[in-house]
Protein backbone atom coordinates (compact mmCIF):
# COMPACT_ATOMS: atom_id res chain seq x y z
CA MET A 1 -26.73 -76.70 -29.28
CA ALA A 2 -22.52 -76.96 -28.56
CA GLU A 3 -21.33 -74.03 -31.35
CA TRP A 4 -23.58 -71.80 -29.52
CA LYS A 5 -22.15 -72.52 -26.35
CA HIS A 6 -18.80 -71.30 -27.52
CA LYS A 7 -19.57 -68.67 -28.97
CA ARG A 8 -21.27 -66.88 -25.91
CA PRO A 9 -18.22 -65.12 -23.25
CA LEU A 10 -17.83 -66.82 -19.61
CA ARG A 11 -19.52 -65.26 -17.43
CA ARG A 12 -15.77 -65.01 -16.09
CA GLU A 13 -14.81 -63.31 -18.73
CA VAL A 14 -17.76 -60.69 -18.58
CA LYS A 15 -16.31 -60.29 -15.03
CA GLU A 16 -12.56 -59.97 -16.00
CA VAL A 17 -13.29 -57.35 -18.55
CA LYS A 18 -16.26 -55.30 -16.17
CA GLU A 19 -13.26 -55.40 -13.34
CA THR A 20 -10.55 -53.64 -15.36
CA GLU A 21 -12.94 -51.64 -16.58
CA GLN A 22 -13.71 -50.47 -13.36
CA ALA A 23 -9.95 -50.73 -11.80
CA ASP A 24 -8.62 -48.01 -15.64
CA THR A 25 -11.96 -45.62 -14.32
CA LYS A 26 -10.58 -45.69 -10.82
CA ALA A 27 -7.81 -44.74 -11.80
CA ASP A 28 -7.99 -41.60 -13.66
CA SER A 29 -10.09 -40.73 -11.35
CA SER A 30 -8.14 -40.61 -7.61
CA SER A 31 -4.82 -39.89 -10.67
CA TRP A 32 -6.44 -36.37 -10.83
CA VAL A 33 -5.32 -34.14 -7.70
CA ARG A 34 -6.50 -30.18 -7.99
CA ILE A 35 -3.17 -28.14 -6.54
CA ARG A 36 -3.78 -25.01 -5.49
CA LEU A 37 -1.93 -21.89 -6.40
CA PHE A 38 -2.39 -20.70 -3.01
CA PRO A 39 -3.51 -22.33 0.47
CA ILE A 40 -6.25 -21.76 2.05
CA TRP A 41 -4.67 -20.16 5.17
CA LEU A 42 -2.04 -17.34 2.81
CA ARG A 43 -5.89 -17.06 1.22
CA ILE A 44 -7.31 -16.04 4.95
CA LEU A 45 -4.56 -13.60 5.50
CA MET A 46 -5.14 -11.78 1.50
CA VAL A 47 -8.14 -11.75 2.12
CA LEU A 48 -7.22 -10.20 5.83
CA ALA A 49 -4.98 -6.97 5.01
CA ILE A 50 -7.22 -6.17 1.85
CA ILE A 51 -10.17 -6.00 4.74
CA ALA A 52 -7.29 -3.58 6.54
CA VAL A 53 -6.21 -1.81 3.77
CA ALA A 54 -10.27 -1.00 3.03
CA MET A 55 -10.73 0.34 6.23
CA VAL A 56 -7.58 2.39 6.83
CA LEU A 57 -8.00 4.02 2.87
CA GLY A 58 -12.31 4.64 4.13
CA VAL A 59 -10.83 6.49 6.94
CA MET A 60 -8.86 8.51 5.01
CA VAL A 61 -11.22 9.79 2.55
CA GLY A 62 -13.34 10.38 5.12
CA TYR A 63 -11.81 12.66 7.30
CA GLY A 64 -9.66 14.37 4.60
CA VAL A 65 -11.41 14.08 1.85
CA ILE A 66 -15.53 14.37 3.66
CA GLY A 67 -14.34 15.76 6.68
CA ASP A 68 -11.99 18.65 4.84
CA GLY A 69 -9.30 17.43 7.30
CA GLU A 70 -5.83 16.27 6.18
CA PRO A 71 -6.11 12.55 5.08
CA SER A 72 -2.57 11.65 7.68
CA ASP A 73 -4.62 13.53 10.26
CA ALA A 74 -6.96 10.23 10.67
CA LEU A 75 -4.29 7.73 11.26
CA LYS A 76 -3.23 9.86 14.71
CA TRP A 77 -4.09 8.16 17.48
CA ARG A 78 -4.65 12.29 18.74
CA THR A 79 -8.04 12.44 16.19
CA TRP A 80 -8.82 9.04 17.95
CA GLN A 81 -9.08 9.87 21.58
CA HIS A 82 -10.19 13.25 20.65
CA ILE A 83 -13.54 11.46 18.84
CA ILE A 84 -13.16 9.31 21.73
CA ASP A 85 -14.05 11.75 24.05
CA ILE A 86 -17.04 13.66 22.21
CA MET A 87 -18.66 10.49 21.47
CA SER A 88 -18.71 9.46 25.54
CA GLY A 89 -19.80 12.99 26.59
CA GLN A 90 -16.36 13.77 27.94
CA LYS A 91 -15.92 17.44 25.94
């Protein structure tokens, strides 16, 4: 019976092995850090800029191609004032 006790690992040895394994897995998981190519604030600015460009191009295509006007006239304040006057009933 004395031989059987010596072949079996002791509890503290098993516990030490488990603790070192857990420490290794924690070190591996915490060492993974995601590095972003573009920061969040830059992504938001890029999306807003793309939306603004899409709106300007849409207005130019709508006014110039669909409306048979000059596309550059869609960006002039005089054109927008005329549209606002028509919508408000002043003209």
